[in-house]
Protein backbone atom coordinates (compact mmCIF):
# COMPACT_ATOMS: atom_id res chain seq x y z
CA MET A 1 -21.18 -2.83 74.08
CA ARG A 2 -19.21 -1.47 71.00
CA LEU A 3 -21.23 -0.50 68.18
CA SER A 4 -18.63 -2.05 65.66
CA GLN A 5 -19.51 -5.28 67.54
CA LEU A 6 -23.23 -5.09 67.13
CA PHE A 7 -24.17 -7.08 64.31
CA THR A 8 -27.22 -5.21 63.32
CA LYS A 9 -26.91 -1.92 61.14
CA THR A 10 -28.87 1.04 60.67
CA ARG A 11 -30.78 2.15 57.54
CA ARG A 12 -31.09 5.35 55.90
CA GLU A 13 -34.56 4.33 54.28
CA ALA A 14 -37.68 2.78 55.75
CA PRO A 15 -38.61 -0.53 54.23
CA LYS A 16 -41.24 0.11 51.56
CA ASP A 17 -43.63 -2.52 52.84
CA GLU A 18 -43.90 -0.66 56.36
CA VAL A 19 -46.30 2.07 56.80
CA SER A 20 -46.36 2.51 60.32
CA LYS A 21 -44.05 4.99 62.25
CA ASN A 22 -42.93 2.62 64.79
CA ALA A 23 -41.95 -0.01 62.42
CA GLN A 24 -40.12 2.06 60.14
CA LEU A 25 -37.99 3.86 62.90
CA LEU A 26 -37.32 0.54 64.75
CA VAL A 27 -36.41 -1.19 61.66
CA ARG A 28 -34.12 1.58 60.50
CA ALA A 29 -32.44 1.75 63.85
CA GLY A 30 -31.78 -1.96 64.05
CA PHE A 31 -34.28 -2.82 67.01
CA ILE A 32 -36.37 -5.35 65.13
CA HIS A 33 -36.27 -7.34 61.94
CA LYS A 34 -39.46 -8.33 59.96
CA GLU A 35 -39.83 -11.99 59.31
CA MET A 36 -43.13 -11.88 57.59
CA ALA A 37 -46.30 -9.73 57.75
CA GLY A 38 -47.14 -9.70 61.53
CA VAL A 39 -44.19 -11.53 62.58
CA TYR A 40 -40.93 -9.75 64.10
CA ALA A 41 -37.58 -10.76 65.61
CA TYR A 42 -36.17 -8.61 68.27
CA LEU A 43 -32.68 -7.69 67.63
CA PRO A 44 -30.24 -7.01 70.69
CA LEU A 45 -31.04 -3.17 71.03
CA GLY A 46 -34.98 -4.14 70.71
CA LEU A 47 -34.44 -6.96 73.20
CA LYS A 48 -33.06 -4.81 75.66
CA VAL A 49 -36.01 -2.47 75.47
CA LEU A 50 -38.45 -5.41 75.57
CA LYS A 51 -36.59 -6.78 78.68
CA LYS A 52 -36.81 -3.47 80.55
CA ILE A 53 -40.38 -3.16 79.82
CA GLU A 54 -40.71 -6.90 81.12
CA GLN A 55 -39.09 -5.81 84.31
CA ILE A 56 -41.10 -2.79 85.02
CA ILE A 57 -44.36 -4.69 84.62
CA ARG A 58 -43.11 -7.54 86.93
CA GLU A 59 -42.00 -4.84 89.55
CA GLU A 60 -45.70 -3.60 89.59
CA MET A 61 -47.49 -7.00 89.29
CA ASN A 62 -45.34 -8.09 92.24
CA SER A 63 -46.11 -5.22 94.09
CA ILE A 64 -49.88 -5.84 94.21
CA GLY A 65 -49.34 -9.72 95.18
CA GLY A 66 -48.88 -11.21 91.64
CA VAL A 67 -47.13 -14.49 91.52
CA GLU A 68 -45.21 -15.52 88.21
CA LEU A 69 -45.40 -18.76 86.51
CA LEU A 70 -45.05 -19.85 82.87
CA MET A 71 -47.82 -21.87 81.19
CA THR A 72 -47.75 -23.86 77.95
CA THR A 73 -48.32 -22.58 74.32
CA LEU A 74 -49.98 -25.87 73.33
CA GLN A 75 -53.54 -25.93 74.18
CA ASP A 76 -55.95 -28.85 74.98
CA ALA A 77 -59.01 -28.36 72.74
CA GLU A 78 -61.10 -30.37 75.52
CA VAL A 79 -60.43 -27.55 77.91
CA TRP A 80 -61.57 -24.72 75.46
CA LYS A 81 -64.56 -26.64 74.55
CA LYS A 82 -66.08 -26.35 78.02
CA SER A 83 -66.18 -22.54 77.77
CA GLY A 84 -67.27 -22.81 74.10
CA ARG A 85 -64.28 -20.71 73.05
CA TRP A 86 -62.71 -23.54 70.92
CA ASN A 87 -65.57 -22.82 68.22
CA ASP A 88 -63.94 -20.51 65.42
CA GLU A 89 -67.17 -18.72 65.24
CA VAL A 90 -66.88 -17.54 68.89
CA VAL A 91 -62.95 -16.83 68.74
CA ASP A 92 -62.00 -16.24 64.93
CA ASN A 93 -58.33 -15.70 65.52
CA TRP A 94 -57.04 -19.10 66.68
CA PHE A 95 -54.02 -21.00 65.14
CA LYS A 96 -54.56 -24.70 65.25
CA THR A 97 -52.69 -27.64 64.60
CA LYS A 98 -52.52 -31.51 65.06
CA PHE A 99 -50.15 -33.75 66.79
CA ALA A 100 -48.67 -36.68 64.56
CA ASN A 101 -51.31 -39.05 66.21
CA GLY A 102 -54.16 -36.78 64.84
CA THR A 103 -55.11 -34.95 68.05
CA GLU A 104 -56.13 -31.37 67.41
CA VAL A 105 -54.51 -28.57 69.66
CA GLY A 106 -54.38 -24.96 69.68
CA ILE A 107 -51.63 -22.39 69.78
CA ALA A 108 -52.26 -20.12 72.88
CA ASN A 109 -53.98 -16.92 72.01
CA THR A 110 -54.91 -16.18 75.94
CA HIS A 111 -55.16 -18.66 79.00
CA GLU A 112 -58.30 -17.87 80.75
CA GLU A 113 -59.35 -21.56 80.32
CA PRO A 114 -56.25 -23.35 80.93
CA ILE A 115 -55.40 -21.30 84.02
CA THR A 116 -58.76 -22.02 85.55
CA GLU A 117 -58.46 -25.59 84.83
CA MET A 118 -54.96 -25.61 86.65
CA LEU A 119 -56.08 -23.87 89.68
CA SER A 120 -58.99 -26.57 90.30
CA HIS A 121 -56.09 -28.86 91.05
CA PHE A 122 -54.71 -26.73 93.63
CA ILE A 123 -57.52 -24.68 95.36
CA SER A 124 -60.60 -25.74 97.12
CA SER A 125 -61.13 -23.93 100.63
CA HIS A 126 -61.69 -20.34 101.31
CA LYS A 127 -58.32 -20.43 102.92
CA ASP A 128 -56.68 -20.87 99.50
CA PHE A 129 -57.85 -17.49 98.26
CA PRO A 130 -57.14 -14.85 96.92
CA VAL A 131 -54.76 -15.98 93.92
CA TYR A 132 -53.14 -13.61 91.45
CA VAL A 133 -51.04 -15.38 89.09
CA TYR A 134 -49.31 -13.96 85.81
CA GLN A 135 -46.87 -14.74 83.13
CA PHE A 136 -44.97 -13.44 80.16
CA GLN A 137 -45.66 -15.66 77.36
CA THR A 138 -45.59 -15.73 73.48
CA LYS A 139 -49.15 -15.78 72.31
CA PHE A 140 -50.47 -16.29 68.62
CA ARG A 141 -53.43 -14.69 66.92
CA ASN A 142 -54.43 -15.00 63.33
CA GLU A 143 -55.01 -11.48 62.69
CA LEU A 144 -56.57 -10.39 59.41
CA ARG A 145 -54.81 -6.83 59.48
CA VAL A 146 -51.23 -6.45 60.27
CA LYS A 147 -50.23 -2.81 58.99
CA SER A 148 -49.45 -1.15 62.59
CA GLY A 149 -45.90 -2.72 63.03
CA ILE A 150 -45.33 -4.17 66.33
CA MET A 151 -48.72 -2.90 67.70
CA ARG A 152 -50.67 -5.42 65.74
CA VAL A 153 -49.05 -8.74 65.06
CA ARG A 154 -49.60 -12.54 64.95
CA GLU A 155 -47.01 -13.31 67.37
CA PHE A 156 -46.26 -11.36 70.37
CA LEU A 157 -45.11 -11.50 74.10
CA MET A 158 -47.82 -10.53 76.41
CA LYS A 159 -48.26 -10.13 80.31
CA ASP A 160 -51.44 -11.90 81.36
CA LEU A 161 -52.47 -11.88 85.04
CA TYR A 162 -55.57 -13.90 86.28
CA SER A 163 -57.22 -13.13 89.82
CA PHE A 164 -59.30 -15.54 91.64
CA SER A 165 -61.44 -14.14 94.51
CA ARG A 166 -63.96 -15.45 96.93
CA THR A 167 -66.24 -12.34 96.86
CA GLU A 168 -67.15 -9.58 94.54
CA ALA A 169 -65.72 -7.00 97.08
CA GLU A 170 -62.37 -8.83 97.36
CA PHE A 171 -62.30 -8.97 93.31
CA LYS A 172 -63.18 -5.18 93.08
CA ASP A 173 -60.54 -4.33 95.28
CA PHE A 174 -57.79 -6.08 93.53
CA TYR A 175 -59.07 -4.75 90.14
CA GLU A 176 -58.67 -1.28 91.08
CA LYS A 177 -55.29 -1.91 92.55
CA CYS A 178 -54.39 -3.49 89.10
CA ALA A 179 -55.69 -0.36 87.39
CA THR A 180 -53.55 1.72 89.59
CA ALA A 181 -50.59 -0.37 88.91
CA TYR A 182 -51.08 -0.12 85.10
CA MET A 183 -51.03 3.65 85.38
CA GLU A 184 -47.82 3.36 87.28
CA ILE A 185 -46.42 1.03 84.48
CA PHE A 186 -47.37 3.68 81.63
CA ASN A 187 -45.94 6.50 83.82
CA ARG A 188 -42.59 4.59 84.20
CA VAL A 189 -42.39 3.88 80.43
CA GLY A 190 -42.83 7.46 79.84
CA ILE A 191 -46.33 7.57 78.32
CA GLY A 192 -48.61 8.18 81.33
CA GLN A 193 -49.51 11.74 80.45
CA TRP A 194 -51.17 10.50 77.25
CA THR A 195 -52.74 7.46 78.56
CA TYR A 196 -56.42 7.18 79.80
CA ARG A 197 -58.37 4.49 81.59
CA THR A 198 -61.28 3.88 79.16
CA ALA A 199 -64.60 2.01 79.29
CA ALA A 200 -65.02 -0.54 76.58
CA SER A 201 -66.76 -3.65 75.31
CA GLY A 202 -65.83 -6.97 76.96
CA GLY A 203 -65.74 -8.90 73.60
CA SER A 204 -65.61 -12.55 74.02
CA PHE A 205 -64.62 -12.25 77.53
CA THR A 206 -67.63 -10.79 79.31
CA THR A 207 -71.01 -9.16 78.76
CA ASP A 208 -69.91 -6.42 81.23
CA LEU A 209 -68.27 -3.36 80.40
CA THR A 210 -64.45 -3.59 80.92
CA ASP A 211 -61.59 -1.13 80.97
CA GLU A 212 -58.96 -0.44 78.60
CA PHE A 213 -55.80 1.86 78.72
CA GLN A 214 -55.73 3.95 75.67
CA THR A 215 -52.63 6.24 74.69
CA LEU A 216 -53.65 9.30 72.62
CA SER A 217 -51.97 8.78 69.24
CA SER A 218 -52.68 9.65 65.38
CA ALA A 219 -51.56 6.15 64.81
CA GLY A 220 -54.25 4.69 67.02
CA GLU A 221 -56.86 2.32 65.59
CA ASP A 222 -59.54 3.11 68.43
CA THR A 223 -61.63 6.27 68.55
CA ILE A 224 -62.19 7.27 72.02
CA TYR A 225 -63.83 10.29 73.96
CA VAL A 226 -61.97 11.86 76.61
CA ASP A 227 -62.87 13.85 79.75
CA LYS A 228 -59.16 15.20 80.31
CA ASN A 229 -60.04 16.70 83.76
CA LYS A 230 -61.27 13.49 85.12
CA ARG A 231 -58.62 11.45 82.88
CA ILE A 232 -61.59 9.12 82.08
CA ALA A 233 -62.42 8.06 78.56
CA ILE A 234 -64.99 5.91 76.85
CA ASN A 235 -64.59 3.77 73.62
CA LYS A 236 -66.65 4.72 70.65
CA GLU A 237 -67.92 1.08 70.32
CA ILE A 238 -69.98 1.76 73.58
CA PHE A 239 -70.42 5.38 73.52
CA ASN A 240 -74.14 6.07 74.19
CA ASP A 241 -76.22 8.12 76.69
CA GLU A 242 -76.35 5.20 79.08
CA ASN A 243 -72.81 4.35 79.41
CA ILE A 244 -71.81 8.05 79.57
CA LYS A 245 -74.20 8.47 82.45
CA LYS A 246 -73.05 5.28 84.05
CA LEU A 247 -69.49 6.41 84.10
CA GLY A 248 -70.53 9.97 85.83
CA LEU A 249 -69.42 12.01 82.45
CA ASN A 250 -70.92 14.81 80.53
CA LYS A 251 -71.10 14.60 76.81
CA GLU A 252 -70.18 18.23 76.40
CA ASP A 253 -66.80 17.59 78.30
CA LEU A 254 -65.73 14.83 76.13
CA ILE A 255 -63.28 15.21 73.25
CA GLU A 256 -62.99 12.84 70.23
CA GLU A 257 -59.36 11.35 69.86
CA LYS A 258 -57.73 8.58 68.06
CA ALA A 259 -55.76 6.32 70.44
CA ILE A 260 -53.70 3.10 70.79
CA GLU A 261 -54.80 0.47 73.33
CA VAL A 262 -51.69 -0.57 75.45
CA GLY A 263 -53.63 -2.60 78.08
CA ASN A 264 -56.85 -3.98 79.42
CA ILE A 265 -58.56 -5.53 82.48
CA PHE A 266 -61.54 -7.55 82.42
CA PRO A 267 -64.00 -8.39 85.10
CA LEU A 268 -64.84 -12.10 84.10
CA GLY A 269 -67.36 -12.79 87.10
CA THR A 270 -67.76 -16.58 87.36
CA LYS A 271 -68.04 -17.39 83.54
CA TYR A 272 -64.79 -19.62 83.25
CA SER A 273 -65.01 -20.84 86.83
CA ASP A 274 -68.39 -22.28 86.15
CA ALA A 275 -67.19 -23.53 82.88
CA MET A 276 -64.41 -25.40 84.32
CA GLY A 277 -66.02 -26.45 87.55
CA LEU A 278 -63.92 -24.28 89.95
CA LYS A 279 -65.49 -23.92 93.17
CA PHE A 280 -64.26 -23.40 96.77
CA THR A 281 -65.83 -24.31 100.13
CA ASP A 282 -66.70 -21.42 102.13
CA GLU A 283 -66.48 -20.98 106.17
CA LYS A 284 -69.94 -22.46 106.44
CA GLY A 285 -68.81 -25.52 104.28
CA ILE A 286 -70.99 -24.45 101.23
CA GLN A 287 -69.36 -24.64 97.83
CA GLN A 288 -69.14 -21.27 96.00
CA PRO A 289 -68.11 -20.21 92.42
CA VAL A 290 -64.76 -18.45 92.01
CA ILE A 291 -65.03 -14.75 90.77
CA MET A 292 -62.35 -14.08 88.26
CA GLY A 293 -60.54 -11.48 86.60
CA SER A 294 -58.09 -11.04 83.62
CA TYR A 295 -55.44 -8.42 83.12
CA GLY A 296 -53.39 -7.98 79.79
CA ILE A 297 -50.44 -5.82 78.43
CA GLY A 298 -48.80 -6.78 75.02
CA LEU A 299 -45.17 -5.70 75.51
CA GLY A 300 -44.38 -5.20 71.89
CA ARG A 301 -47.53 -3.10 71.53
CA LEU A 302 -46.33 -0.97 74.44
CA MET A 303 -42.79 -0.51 72.92
CA GLY A 304 -44.37 0.46 69.57
CA THR A 305 -46.61 2.86 71.15
CA VAL A 306 -43.63 4.66 72.98
CA ALA A 307 -41.98 4.59 69.57
CA GLU A 308 -44.94 6.24 67.98
CA VAL A 309 -45.49 8.94 70.76
CA LEU A 310 -42.01 9.98 71.93
CA SER A 311 -39.92 9.78 68.55
CA ASP A 312 -39.41 12.92 66.34
CA ASP A 313 -38.11 13.82 62.72
CA ARG A 314 -34.77 12.48 63.76
CA GLY A 315 -35.65 9.22 65.04
CA LEU A 316 -36.45 7.44 68.37
CA VAL A 317 -36.47 9.10 71.68
CA TRP A 318 -36.37 6.48 74.46
CA PRO A 319 -37.29 7.49 78.13
CA ALA A 320 -34.24 6.54 80.32
CA SER A 321 -36.34 3.82 82.22
CA ILE A 322 -36.47 1.69 78.87
CA SER A 323 -33.66 3.01 76.77
CA PRO A 324 -31.43 -0.01 75.69
CA PHE A 325 -28.24 1.99 77.14
CA GLN A 326 -27.85 4.82 79.57
CA PHE A 327 -25.36 6.45 77.41
CA HIS A 328 -24.28 6.64 73.78
CA LEU A 329 -20.67 7.35 73.64
CA VAL A 330 -19.67 9.17 70.29
CA GLU A 331 -16.20 9.18 69.37
CA ILE A 332 -15.80 11.36 66.19
CA GLU A 333 -11.97 11.20 65.60
CA ALA A 334 -11.75 7.55 65.60
CA GLY A 335 -7.99 6.42 64.69
CA LYS A 336 -6.47 9.54 66.15
CA PRO A 337 -4.67 10.10 69.35
CA ARG A 338 -7.71 11.42 70.98
CA GLU A 339 -9.28 7.83 70.68
CA ASN A 340 -7.48 7.17 73.94
CA ARG A 341 -9.87 9.50 75.79
CA ALA A 342 -12.89 7.73 74.45
CA GLU A 343 -11.46 4.53 75.71
CA LYS A 344 -10.70 5.98 79.01
CA ILE A 345 -14.16 7.34 79.29
CA TYR A 346 -15.92 4.05 78.06
CA ASN A 347 -13.52 1.90 80.54
CA GLU A 348 -14.63 4.32 83.46
CA LEU A 349 -18.34 4.22 82.62
CA ILE A 350 -18.38 0.34 82.57
CA SER A 351 -16.16 0.24 85.91
CA ARG A 352 -18.84 2.34 87.49
CA GLY A 353 -21.58 -0.06 86.32
CA LYS A 354 -23.06 2.26 83.46
CA ASP A 355 -24.65 0.80 80.63
CA VAL A 356 -22.85 2.34 77.41
CA LEU A 357 -23.12 1.89 73.64
CA TYR A 358 -19.70 3.03 72.22
CA ASP A 359 -19.61 4.23 68.72
CA ASP A 360 -16.14 3.26 68.00
CA ARG A 361 -16.54 2.82 64.24
CA ASP A 362 -14.49 4.62 61.75
CA LEU A 363 -17.01 6.85 60.06
CA ARG A 364 -17.65 10.50 59.54
CA ALA A 365 -18.84 12.56 62.46
CA GLY A 366 -22.23 13.27 60.63
CA GLU A 367 -23.07 9.52 60.22
CA LYS A 368 -22.42 9.07 63.65
CA PHE A 369 -24.38 11.82 65.03
CA ALA A 370 -27.36 10.80 62.75
CA ASP A 371 -27.28 7.28 64.09
CA ALA A 372 -27.05 8.49 67.56
CA ASP A 373 -30.40 10.44 67.13
CA LEU A 374 -32.01 7.75 65.23
CA ILE A 375 -31.16 5.14 67.85
CA GLY A 376 -32.39 7.46 70.55
CA ILE A 377 -30.62 6.73 73.71
CA PRO A 378 -31.38 9.67 76.02
CA SER A 379 -27.87 10.72 76.93
CA GLN A 380 -25.02 11.25 74.18
CA ILE A 381 -21.55 11.64 75.28
CA ILE A 382 -19.39 13.33 72.33
CA ILE A 383 -15.74 13.30 72.30
CA GLY A 384 -14.73 15.70 69.46
CA ASP A 385 -12.65 18.46 68.23
CA LYS A 386 -13.70 21.58 70.04
CA SER A 387 -11.03 20.87 72.70
CA VAL A 388 -8.86 18.06 73.85
CA GLU A 389 -9.97 18.48 77.54
CA ASN A 390 -13.70 18.88 76.72
CA ILE A 391 -16.68 16.68 76.32
CA GLU A 392 -20.03 17.35 74.92
CA ILE A 393 -23.17 15.94 76.66
CA LYS A 394 -26.41 16.04 74.60
CA ASN A 395 -29.72 15.35 75.82
CA ARG A 396 -31.64 13.56 73.22
CA THR A 397 -35.02 14.64 74.46
CA THR A 398 -34.55 18.26 74.76
CA GLY A 399 -31.38 18.79 72.46
CA GLU A 400 -29.70 20.73 75.07
CA ILE A 401 -25.96 20.53 75.17
CA ARG A 402 -23.53 21.33 77.88
CA VAL A 403 -19.89 21.05 77.79
CA VAL A 404 -17.76 19.69 80.59
CA SER A 405 -14.02 18.96 81.28
CA ASP A 406 -12.88 15.20 81.22
CA GLU A 407 -12.15 15.53 85.00
CA ASP A 408 -15.46 17.08 85.73
CA PHE A 409 -17.39 14.39 83.94
CA LEU A 410 -15.49 11.51 85.44
CA GLU A 411 -16.38 13.52 88.85
CA GLU A 412 -20.08 13.33 88.15
CA ILE A 413 -19.94 9.62 87.14
CA LYS A 414 -18.42 8.83 90.55
CA LYS A 415 -21.10 10.73 92.22
CA ASN A 416 -23.76 8.83 90.13
CA VAL A 417 -24.97 12.08 88.44
CA GLY A 418 -24.70 11.08 84.85
């Protein structure tokens, strides 16, 4: 991709109506565009990051037996009435509308009820289990407060997985596998060292304790108490002696921190399978209720958290795993004979399957360097005026710069050492 052909542009100043760092940086760097409060469009750079996050999550969900599907956004009110969650007093963030014939429908905020209703048409025997299905789908929630950029919005892409098990032991086995997979996701996107499995309330999903995954950040809306040695935390909303003891923690070892919730896993028991009439026949021919779990990650929230945690005073700092490009090629003498070198390097990188953003614009070097740091691609390749034969390679994360010849750089690329 040539930067001159990318229709988005960087901005020197953050929008005045954005108070969160993630939104300020992502808007300035041309990753997102604010449509209205709590509603953002993902521009080409932002979409590339979002898709890489999606693929990491997909790989981890597939690795534990998840099967991907895609459900509908429009929701049948009758299905939700069975569980009692159509009632606005129970779930207060519904978006609802009506068909032309007057039939009331919902705009999906989650999918426990419809997936359970769907499964009742496909499973009936103990031989049909276990079932682990997930999707990436846009959800809509009528949030009252939307001042955290893409971390709390009214429209967002979510990965939601639902597990259906025969026994409590079978459920717990998968639940722990999913918890491990979640931590691997957070490690792969670059925030694992700041992220803790956190005991929390089940909200409208369950009366049991549930698990959140919380990333330490001053921008967080949650207060948690962390045991950094055991890498376990407890949310302030359930912080009491009984729960501390249940988790095997000591109050003296817990440190109060602000944090961002980046994922959650819920034990649902038989709440929704009972409401939807989902049962199976066991080996003895006896009908049994299905034990369920629900597992969610908001992709935009995760992207926003990375922006909050890994950025610096110059801009975004993407980990290589989710960076929109592998390399940011900066030609600082565009229009001069040396530009042929940049073209040669660019074409060589492309021919080797590298993903490159090439700044071929006719701008001052300082502007290009500022944009490169703001956009935050981890490896910057600078072709400049120190020597006709040399290239500077800058590590965006550490600021380290090394100088190599054109020939040595191209040899590195051939050996896949970028």
